[in-house]
Amino acid sequence: MSQNLGREYTKFVSQNILGMLGISIYILADTFYISKAAGSNGITVLNLCLPLYNLIYAIGSMIGVGSATRFTILKAQRDSGCDRFFSNAVFCCLIISIPFILIGAFSPDGILRIMGGDADIASLGVPYARIFLMFAPFFMINFIINAFVRNDGAPSLAMAATLAGSFFNIIFDYIFMFPMGMGMAGAALATALSPIVSTCICGIHFFKKDNQIRFLWQPPSLKRLFQACQLGTSAFIGEFSSGVTTTTFNFLILGIAGNVGVAAYGVIANLALVATAMFNGVAQGSQPLISRYYGKGDTLAARRLLHYGIATALALSVVILFITRVQTDLLITMFNSEGSKELHGLAFNGIRLYFPGFIFAGFNIVATSYLSASDCALQALATSFSRGVIAIILCAFTLSRILGMRGIWSSFMAAEMLTTIMIMIMLVYLNKRRK
């Protein structure tokens, strides 16, 4: 039993880590190419747009992961209602994406000003914001299809689709931005087309004999959306928290260090996406297995999978901390095409103070996913809301007033530490209740 469980865990998690790394690497490629084409102002634009991207991704994550989790639990219980969650997720995301399309079409400059950009930054960022906002439905639907394909027993195909989309983005980032001279618009177009590539590859699963996902032409159901979001809210807040953190830090940093400070944080935020992607890979890889065993009533196997996930997250956090300590200068130089000493100094201190927080963040991401996958929606929501909204905002505002920029960089670790304490108390209580 334990050997089979370990092999299943290794297969699902390793492939999901690779897939999530593919997503984060194309974001790094965006940052690298934009830094070459538009310097620190380009990175500032990217960092101001990042919360909007996080919001789109978070909505797709909430509906996709929640619907796929509900699908897996009901399928394990042989409930025919599982068939209705896929099409409902697709229809709901198409409706929810309409405001993003309208903002992208008619007011991309306005949204950039709301995010804190001045006139020059807003003008530079209009083509980028317009394109990726208008492609919002493709980002959301890609996440839904990927989650269902993974939960329907095809993690290898889901990984291949994600990697293919990422490689497409990296290659066409360069082609659109430089040989074709499209600049920021080219970067946005490459990013916008990549989920279409990924979706097409995932679509292969629907033609296989072992496919159990059914698309039904049915009116969208708010009841089923709510049932899915109960289990997907933690995924939403987990993704959206990056946007909350970025927005909070951007406004605080603008008041202390201006656009250069935001550009320095852009370097840190994009590197942090790679770290977060690895932990999300562990969480999303183990989620289908936890949901399956929980649906069958095997809580012992579900808890064992949690232990595997925590051990993997701790090992990854040690590797991340080692790399960011040893290669700090190299990591900054990759995105500092103008050779700004001010940007380098701010980013150097930021990396050294920010990244130790992943020792706690990895545990928090994996444990929160376990709570959601085992139908503890309220507990998962509470932990996600703590680390993603309440704790980070309180710590950032408090520590920035006391320590300035050092306080902003340190607030990430402080918020994750507080959340770790909260999660450990919850897990002890749940284990006692389920015995």
Protein backbone atom coordinates (compact mmCIF):
# COMPACT_ATOMS: atom_id res chain seq x y z
CA MET A 1 0.00 0.00 0.00
CA SER A 2 2.63 2.54 1.09
CA GLN A 3 4.93 1.68 -1.85
CA ASN A 4 2.11 2.08 -4.39
CA LEU A 5 1.06 5.32 -2.72
CA GLY A 6 4.63 6.60 -2.82
CA ARG A 7 4.96 5.77 -6.52
CA GLU A 8 1.65 7.47 -7.33
CA TYR A 9 2.68 10.51 -5.33
CA THR A 10 6.08 10.74 -7.04
CA LYS A 11 4.52 10.45 -10.51
CA PHE A 12 1.81 13.07 -9.97
CA VAL A 13 3.93 15.56 -8.03
CA SER A 14 7.08 15.42 -10.18
CA GLN A 15 5.07 16.02 -13.34
CA ASN A 16 3.13 18.88 -11.79
CA ILE A 17 6.28 20.54 -10.50
CA LEU A 18 7.71 20.44 -14.03
CA GLY A 19 4.47 21.84 -15.45
CA MET A 20 4.28 24.67 -12.91
CA LEU A 21 7.97 25.44 -13.43
CA GLY A 22 7.20 25.78 -17.13
CA ILE A 23 4.64 28.49 -16.34
CA SER A 24 7.02 30.36 -14.05
CA ILE A 25 9.92 30.12 -16.51
CA TYR A 26 7.93 31.82 -19.25
CA ILE A 27 7.11 34.63 -16.80
CA LEU A 28 10.84 34.95 -16.15
CA ALA A 29 11.43 35.00 -19.90
CA ASP A 30 8.89 37.83 -20.19
CA THR A 31 10.75 39.76 -17.50
CA PHE A 32 14.14 39.14 -19.11
CA TYR A 33 13.07 40.19 -22.62
CA ILE A 34 11.12 43.20 -21.36
CA SER A 35 14.14 44.35 -19.32
CA LYS A 36 16.20 44.21 -22.53
CA ALA A 37 13.58 46.03 -24.61
CA ALA A 38 12.26 48.64 -22.15
CA GLY A 39 14.64 48.70 -19.15
CA SER A 40 13.46 49.27 -15.58
CA ASN A 41 10.28 51.05 -16.74
CA GLY A 42 9.28 47.90 -18.61
CA ILE A 43 9.77 45.80 -15.47
CA THR A 44 7.69 48.35 -13.54
CA VAL A 45 4.87 47.95 -16.08
CA LEU A 46 5.08 44.17 -15.79
CA ASN A 47 4.95 44.36 -12.00
CA LEU A 48 1.92 46.68 -12.06
CA CYS A 49 0.15 44.26 -14.43
CA LEU A 50 1.08 41.22 -12.35
CA PRO A 51 -1.82 41.58 -9.84
CA LEU A 52 -4.29 41.62 -12.75
CA TYR A 53 -2.74 38.47 -14.15
CA ASN A 54 -2.87 36.94 -10.66
CA LEU A 55 -6.59 37.77 -10.43
CA ILE A 56 -7.36 36.12 -13.79
CA TYR A 57 -5.27 33.12 -12.88
CA ALA A 58 -6.85 32.95 -9.41
CA ILE A 59 -10.40 32.87 -10.80
CA GLY A 60 -9.45 30.10 -13.23
CA SER A 61 -7.72 28.28 -10.37
CA MET A 62 -10.70 28.57 -8.03
CA ILE A 63 -13.25 27.32 -10.53
CA GLY A 64 -10.91 24.79 -12.16
CA VAL A 65 -9.39 23.22 -9.05
CA GLY A 66 -12.68 23.39 -7.12
CA SER A 67 -14.71 21.81 -9.93
CA ALA A 68 -12.06 19.15 -10.62
CA THR A 69 -11.81 18.31 -6.90
CA ARG A 70 -15.59 17.99 -6.61
CA PHE A 71 -15.56 15.86 -9.80
CA THR A 72 -12.91 13.53 -8.32
CA ILE A 73 -14.65 13.10 -4.96
CA LEU A 74 -18.05 12.39 -6.56
CA LYS A 75 -16.51 10.05 -9.13
CA ALA A 76 -14.85 8.05 -6.32
CA GLN A 77 -18.27 7.84 -4.66
CA ARG A 78 -19.85 6.75 -8.00
CA ASP A 79 -22.13 9.80 -8.06
CA SER A 80 -23.32 10.61 -11.60
CA GLY A 81 -23.52 14.30 -10.65
CA CYS A 82 -19.76 14.51 -11.24
CA ASP A 83 -20.40 14.85 -14.99
CA ARG A 84 -21.99 18.29 -14.63
CA PHE A 85 -19.03 20.14 -13.15
CA PHE A 86 -16.77 20.44 -16.21
CA SER A 87 -19.14 22.22 -18.58
CA ASN A 88 -20.46 24.36 -15.73
CA ALA A 89 -16.92 25.54 -14.98
CA VAL A 90 -16.31 26.46 -18.64
CA PHE A 91 -19.57 28.40 -19.05
CA CYS A 92 -19.09 30.28 -15.76
CA CYS A 93 -15.55 31.35 -16.66
CA LEU A 94 -16.69 32.64 -20.05
CA ILE A 95 -19.23 34.88 -18.31
CA ILE A 96 -16.82 36.03 -15.57
CA SER A 97 -14.15 36.96 -18.13
CA ILE A 98 -16.37 39.57 -19.85
CA PRO A 99 -15.39 42.51 -17.53
CA PHE A 100 -11.69 41.81 -18.16
CA ILE A 101 -12.27 41.89 -21.92
CA LEU A 102 -14.16 45.20 -21.68
CA ILE A 103 -11.47 46.83 -19.50
CA GLY A 104 -8.75 45.65 -21.89
CA ALA A 105 -10.64 46.98 -24.91
CA PHE A 106 -11.69 50.36 -23.54
CA SER A 107 -9.60 51.36 -20.50
CA PRO A 108 -6.19 49.68 -20.17
CA ASP A 109 -4.52 53.00 -19.31
CA GLY A 110 -7.07 53.66 -16.58
CA ILE A 111 -6.44 50.34 -14.86
CA LEU A 112 -2.67 50.93 -14.95
CA ARG A 113 -3.15 54.31 -13.25
CA ILE A 114 -5.31 52.67 -10.59
CA MET A 115 -2.48 50.18 -10.00
CA GLY A 116 -0.12 53.09 -9.29
CA GLY A 117 1.49 53.88 -12.65
CA ASP A 118 2.34 57.48 -13.60
CA ALA A 119 1.67 58.90 -17.07
CA ASP A 120 4.87 57.50 -18.65
CA ILE A 121 4.40 54.03 -17.16
CA ALA A 122 0.71 53.92 -18.16
CA SER A 123 1.53 54.97 -21.72
CA LEU A 124 4.24 52.29 -22.04
CA GLY A 125 2.02 49.59 -20.57
CA VAL A 126 -1.20 50.13 -22.57
CA PRO A 127 -0.41 47.58 -25.35
CA TYR A 128 0.64 44.94 -22.82
CA ALA A 129 -2.40 45.38 -20.55
CA ARG A 130 -4.88 45.56 -23.44
CA ILE A 131 -3.81 42.27 -25.02
CA PHE A 132 -3.52 40.06 -21.96
CA LEU A 133 -6.80 41.34 -20.46
CA MET A 134 -8.69 40.61 -23.68
CA PHE A 135 -7.37 37.03 -23.63
CA ALA A 136 -8.62 36.44 -20.07
CA PRO A 137 -11.10 33.66 -21.05
CA PHE A 138 -8.29 31.60 -22.60
CA PHE A 139 -6.21 31.78 -19.41
CA MET A 140 -9.17 30.68 -17.28
CA ILE A 141 -10.37 27.87 -19.55
CA ASN A 142 -6.84 26.53 -19.91
CA PHE A 143 -6.60 26.19 -16.14
CA ILE A 144 -9.95 24.39 -15.99
CA ILE A 145 -9.10 21.89 -18.73
CA ASN A 146 -5.65 21.26 -17.29
CA ALA A 147 -7.08 20.61 -13.81
CA PHE A 148 -9.71 18.17 -15.10
CA VAL A 149 -7.28 16.29 -17.34
CA ARG A 150 -4.86 15.95 -14.42
CA ASN A 151 -7.63 14.74 -12.09
CA ASP A 152 -8.91 12.30 -14.73
CA GLY A 153 -5.68 10.33 -14.51
CA ALA A 154 -3.58 12.04 -17.19
CA PRO A 155 -0.98 14.12 -15.30
CA SER A 156 1.65 13.45 -17.98
CA LEU A 157 -0.48 15.04 -20.69
CA ALA A 158 -1.33 17.99 -18.43
CA MET A 159 2.38 18.50 -17.80
CA ALA A 160 3.25 18.23 -21.50
CA ALA A 161 0.54 20.76 -22.38
CA THR A 162 1.79 23.25 -19.80
CA LEU A 163 5.41 22.89 -20.90
CA ALA A 164 4.47 23.24 -24.58
CA GLY A 165 2.59 26.47 -23.83
CA SER A 166 5.56 27.76 -21.86
CA PHE A 167 8.11 26.96 -24.57
CA PHE A 168 5.85 28.58 -27.16
CA ASN A 169 5.77 31.73 -25.05
CA ILE A 170 9.53 31.85 -24.57
CA ILE A 171 10.27 31.40 -28.29
CA PHE A 172 7.60 33.81 -29.54
CA ASP A 173 8.44 36.38 -26.86
CA TYR A 174 11.74 36.81 -28.64
CA ILE A 175 10.29 36.61 -32.18
CA PHE A 176 7.50 39.11 -31.56
CA MET A 177 9.57 41.56 -29.49
CA PHE A 178 12.80 41.74 -31.48
CA PRO A 179 12.79 40.44 -35.09
CA MET A 180 9.19 41.66 -35.55
CA GLY A 181 9.76 44.83 -33.46
CA MET A 182 6.46 44.61 -31.53
CA GLY A 183 7.98 45.52 -28.15
CA MET A 184 5.68 45.25 -25.12
CA ALA A 185 2.73 44.27 -27.34
CA GLY A 186 4.77 41.33 -28.62
CA ALA A 187 5.47 40.12 -25.09
CA ALA A 188 1.76 40.28 -24.25
CA LEU A 189 0.74 38.49 -27.47
CA ALA A 190 3.15 35.59 -26.85
CA THR A 191 1.82 35.25 -23.30
CA ALA A 192 -1.80 35.44 -24.50
CA LEU A 193 -1.39 32.74 -27.15
CA SER A 194 0.40 30.24 -24.90
CA PRO A 195 -2.76 29.01 -23.06
CA ILE A 196 -4.37 28.29 -26.43
CA VAL A 197 -1.45 26.01 -27.29
CA SER A 198 -1.73 24.30 -23.91
CA THR A 199 -5.51 23.85 -24.22
CA CYS A 200 -5.19 22.25 -27.67
CA ILE A 201 -2.71 19.68 -26.37
CA CYS A 202 -4.84 18.90 -23.30
CA GLY A 203 -7.76 18.42 -25.69
CA ILE A 204 -6.16 15.17 -26.89
CA HIS A 205 -7.42 13.57 -23.67
CA PHE A 206 -11.07 14.03 -24.69
CA PHE A 207 -10.57 11.67 -27.67
CA LYS A 208 -9.10 8.84 -25.58
CA LYS A 209 -11.13 5.78 -24.58
CA ASP A 210 -10.37 6.20 -20.87
CA ASN A 211 -11.62 9.82 -20.80
CA GLN A 212 -14.33 10.24 -18.15
CA ILE A 213 -14.86 14.00 -18.54
CA ARG A 214 -18.19 14.89 -20.12
CA PHE A 215 -19.11 18.21 -21.72
CA LEU A 216 -22.84 18.85 -21.38
CA TRP A 217 -24.76 21.66 -23.08
CA GLN A 218 -26.52 23.01 -20.01
CA PRO A 219 -27.32 26.43 -18.50
CA PRO A 220 -24.70 27.62 -15.97
CA SER A 221 -25.65 26.60 -12.44
CA LEU A 222 -24.86 28.94 -9.54
CA LYS A 223 -25.40 26.03 -7.15
CA ARG A 224 -22.71 23.91 -8.81
CA LEU A 225 -20.44 26.96 -9.09
CA PHE A 226 -20.82 27.53 -5.34
CA GLN A 227 -20.16 23.83 -4.61
CA ALA A 228 -16.98 24.03 -6.68
CA CYS A 229 -15.86 27.34 -5.21
CA GLN A 230 -16.23 25.94 -1.69
CA LEU A 231 -13.28 23.67 -2.47
CA GLY A 232 -11.56 26.10 -4.83
CA THR A 233 -11.60 29.25 -2.71
CA SER A 234 -8.31 28.34 -1.05
CA ALA A 235 -6.77 27.94 -4.52
CA PHE A 236 -8.21 31.35 -5.47
CA ILE A 237 -6.77 33.08 -2.43
CA GLY A 238 -3.51 31.17 -2.82
CA GLU A 239 -3.10 32.62 -6.31
CA PHE A 240 -4.73 35.96 -5.57
CA SER A 241 -2.51 36.45 -2.54
CA SER A 242 0.40 37.01 -4.91
CA GLY A 243 -1.57 39.89 -6.41
CA VAL A 244 -2.47 41.26 -2.97
CA THR A 245 1.17 41.06 -1.90
CA THR A 246 2.37 42.69 -5.12
CA THR A 247 -0.20 45.51 -4.96
CA THR A 248 0.49 46.20 -1.27
CA PHE A 249 4.26 46.18 -1.79
CA ASN A 250 4.00 48.33 -4.94
CA PHE A 251 2.12 51.12 -3.17
CA LEU A 252 4.39 51.02 -0.11
CA ILE A 253 7.58 50.90 -2.19
CA LEU A 254 6.44 53.74 -4.48
CA GLY A 255 6.25 55.96 -1.38
CA ILE A 256 9.72 54.96 -0.18
CA ALA A 257 11.88 54.25 -3.25
CA GLY A 258 9.81 55.26 -6.32
CA ASN A 259 9.77 53.45 -9.68
CA VAL A 260 13.26 51.97 -9.19
CA GLY A 261 12.08 50.37 -5.96
CA VAL A 262 9.08 48.86 -7.78
CA ALA A 263 11.42 47.58 -10.51
CA ALA A 264 13.62 45.98 -7.82
CA TYR A 265 10.56 44.34 -6.33
CA GLY A 266 9.62 43.21 -9.85
CA VAL A 267 12.84 41.19 -9.93
CA ILE A 268 12.04 39.62 -6.54
CA ALA A 269 8.37 38.99 -7.38
CA ASN A 270 9.22 37.20 -10.60
CA LEU A 271 11.88 35.05 -8.92
CA ALA A 272 9.37 34.31 -6.15
CA LEU A 273 6.92 33.04 -8.78
CA VAL A 274 9.38 30.25 -9.61
CA ALA A 275 9.59 29.23 -5.96
CA THR A 276 5.84 29.40 -5.50
CA ALA A 277 5.33 27.37 -8.68
CA MET A 278 7.32 24.47 -7.25
CA PHE A 279 5.22 24.39 -4.08
CA ASN A 280 2.04 24.71 -6.13
CA GLY A 281 3.28 21.74 -8.16
CA VAL A 282 3.52 19.68 -4.97
CA ALA A 283 0.07 20.86 -3.82
CA GLN A 284 -1.71 20.36 -7.16
CA GLY A 285 0.05 17.06 -7.82
CA SER A 286 -1.05 15.54 -4.52
CA GLN A 287 -4.56 17.05 -4.62
CA PRO A 288 -6.18 14.47 -6.98
CA LEU A 289 -4.74 11.61 -4.91
CA ILE A 290 -5.87 13.11 -1.60
CA SER A 291 -9.36 13.73 -2.99
CA ARG A 292 -9.58 10.19 -4.35
CA TYR A 293 -8.55 8.49 -1.11
CA TYR A 294 -10.65 10.86 0.98
CA GLY A 295 -13.65 10.12 -1.26
CA LYS A 296 -13.11 6.40 -0.62
CA GLY A 297 -12.96 7.00 3.13
CA ASP A 298 -9.22 6.19 3.45
CA THR A 299 -8.17 9.13 5.66
CA LEU A 300 -4.94 7.36 6.66
CA ALA A 301 -3.68 7.41 3.06
CA ALA A 302 -4.77 11.04 2.71
CA ARG A 303 -2.74 12.01 5.80
CA ARG A 304 0.26 10.06 4.53
CA LEU A 305 0.11 12.06 1.30
CA LEU A 306 0.12 15.25 3.39
CA HIS A 307 3.29 14.06 5.13
CA TYR A 308 4.93 13.33 1.75
CA GLY A 309 3.98 16.82 0.58
CA ILE A 310 5.36 18.57 3.65
CA ALA A 311 8.66 16.67 3.39
CA THR A 312 8.95 17.60 -0.31
CA ALA A 313 8.15 21.26 0.39
CA LEU A 314 10.79 21.49 3.13
CA ALA A 315 13.42 19.93 0.85
CA LEU A 316 12.56 22.37 -1.95
CA SER A 317 12.69 25.35 0.42
CA VAL A 318 16.25 24.43 1.43
CA VAL A 319 17.30 24.30 -2.25
CA ILE A 320 15.61 27.64 -2.99
CA LEU A 321 17.23 29.33 0.01
CA PHE A 322 20.67 27.98 -0.96
CA ILE A 323 20.43 29.18 -4.59
CA THR A 324 19.17 32.66 -3.69
CA ARG A 325 21.95 33.06 -1.13
CA VAL A 326 24.80 31.84 -3.33
CA GLN A 327 23.69 33.38 -6.65
CA THR A 328 22.08 36.65 -5.53
CA ASP A 329 24.18 38.88 -7.80
CA LEU A 330 23.67 36.67 -10.86
CA LEU A 331 19.91 36.55 -10.38
CA ILE A 332 19.68 40.36 -10.20
CA THR A 333 22.02 40.95 -13.14
CA MET A 334 19.75 38.88 -15.42
CA PHE A 335 17.03 41.54 -15.10
CA ASN A 336 19.12 44.68 -14.61
CA SER A 337 20.00 45.42 -18.24
CA GLU A 338 20.72 49.09 -17.47
CA GLY A 339 23.22 48.19 -14.74
CA SER A 340 21.46 50.37 -12.16
CA LYS A 341 23.35 50.31 -8.86
CA GLU A 342 20.29 51.54 -6.98
CA LEU A 343 18.12 48.73 -8.37
CA HIS A 344 20.85 46.18 -7.62
CA GLY A 345 21.22 47.32 -4.02
CA LEU A 346 17.49 47.29 -3.33
CA ALA A 347 16.99 43.89 -4.96
CA PHE A 348 20.03 42.37 -3.19
CA ASN A 349 18.72 43.25 0.27
CA GLY A 350 15.23 42.21 -0.78
CA ILE A 351 16.23 38.72 -1.91
CA ARG A 352 18.21 38.08 1.27
CA LEU A 353 15.26 39.08 3.49
CA TYR A 354 12.32 37.84 1.40
CA PHE A 355 13.24 34.30 0.39
CA PRO A 356 13.73 32.74 3.86
CA GLY A 357 9.95 33.10 4.12
CA PHE A 358 9.56 30.15 1.74
CA ILE A 359 10.60 27.79 4.53
CA PHE A 360 7.16 28.49 5.98
CA ALA A 361 5.33 29.28 2.71
CA GLY A 362 5.97 25.83 1.25
CA PHE A 363 4.41 24.14 4.27
CA ASN A 364 1.45 26.54 4.18
CA ILE A 365 0.70 25.98 0.48
CA VAL A 366 0.82 22.17 0.75
CA ALA A 367 -1.18 22.01 3.99
CA THR A 368 -3.86 24.38 2.68
CA SER A 369 -4.24 22.25 -0.46
CA TYR A 370 -4.67 19.17 1.75
CA LEU A 371 -7.47 20.89 3.67
CA SER A 372 -9.26 21.78 0.44
CA ALA A 373 -8.76 18.35 -1.16
CA SER A 374 -10.16 16.60 1.93
CA ASP A 375 -13.36 18.70 1.92
CA CYS A 376 -12.35 21.06 4.77
CA ALA A 377 -13.43 24.13 2.81
CA LEU A 378 -13.84 26.48 5.77
CA GLN A 379 -10.43 25.69 7.26
CA ALA A 380 -8.75 25.98 3.85
CA LEU A 381 -10.42 29.35 3.31
CA ALA A 382 -9.32 30.62 6.73
CA THR A 383 -5.67 29.66 6.24
CA SER A 384 -5.57 31.03 2.69
CA PHE A 385 -7.17 34.30 3.73
CA SER A 386 -4.73 34.62 6.62
CA ARG A 387 -1.54 34.21 4.60
CA GLY A 388 -2.82 35.85 1.43
CA VAL A 389 -4.59 38.91 2.72
CA ILE A 390 -4.76 39.67 6.45
CA ALA A 391 -1.31 38.66 7.69
CA ILE A 392 0.68 40.03 4.76
CA ILE A 393 -1.10 43.41 4.75
CA LEU A 394 -0.76 43.85 8.54
CA CYS A 395 2.89 42.80 8.55
CA ALA A 396 3.79 44.92 5.51
CA PHE A 397 2.23 48.14 6.81
CA THR A 398 3.51 47.63 10.38
CA LEU A 399 7.08 46.62 9.55
CA SER A 400 7.48 49.22 6.76
CA ARG A 401 6.72 51.99 9.26
CA ILE A 402 9.33 50.63 11.67
CA LEU A 403 12.10 49.42 9.31
CA GLY A 404 11.36 51.05 5.94
CA MET A 405 12.34 48.90 2.95
CA ARG A 406 13.84 46.22 5.21
CA GLY A 407 10.47 45.96 6.91
CA ILE A 408 8.68 45.45 3.58
CA TRP A 409 11.07 42.67 2.57
CA SER A 410 10.77 40.99 5.99
CA SER A 411 6.97 41.09 6.12
CA PHE A 412 6.59 38.07 3.81
CA MET A 413 8.38 35.76 6.25
CA ALA A 414 6.54 37.23 9.25
CA ALA A 415 3.14 36.64 7.60
CA GLU A 416 4.02 33.06 6.62
CA MET A 417 5.25 32.28 10.14
CA LEU A 418 1.96 33.43 11.67
CA THR A 419 0.01 31.32 9.18
CA THR A 420 2.15 28.23 9.88
CA ILE A 421 1.22 28.42 13.57
CA MET A 422 -2.46 28.70 12.65
CA ILE A 423 -2.33 25.71 10.26
CA MET A 424 -0.50 23.47 12.72
CA ILE A 425 -3.22 24.08 15.34
CA MET A 426 -5.90 23.26 12.75
CA LEU A 427 -4.21 20.03 11.63
CA VAL A 428 -3.84 18.77 15.20
CA TYR A 429 -7.54 19.44 15.82
CA LEU A 430 -8.64 17.75 12.56
CA ASN A 431 -6.51 14.66 13.17
CA LYS A 432 -8.06 14.22 16.60
CA ARG A 433 -11.57 14.67 15.18
CA ARG A 434 -11.07 12.15 12.36
CA LYS A 435 -9.60 9.35 14.50
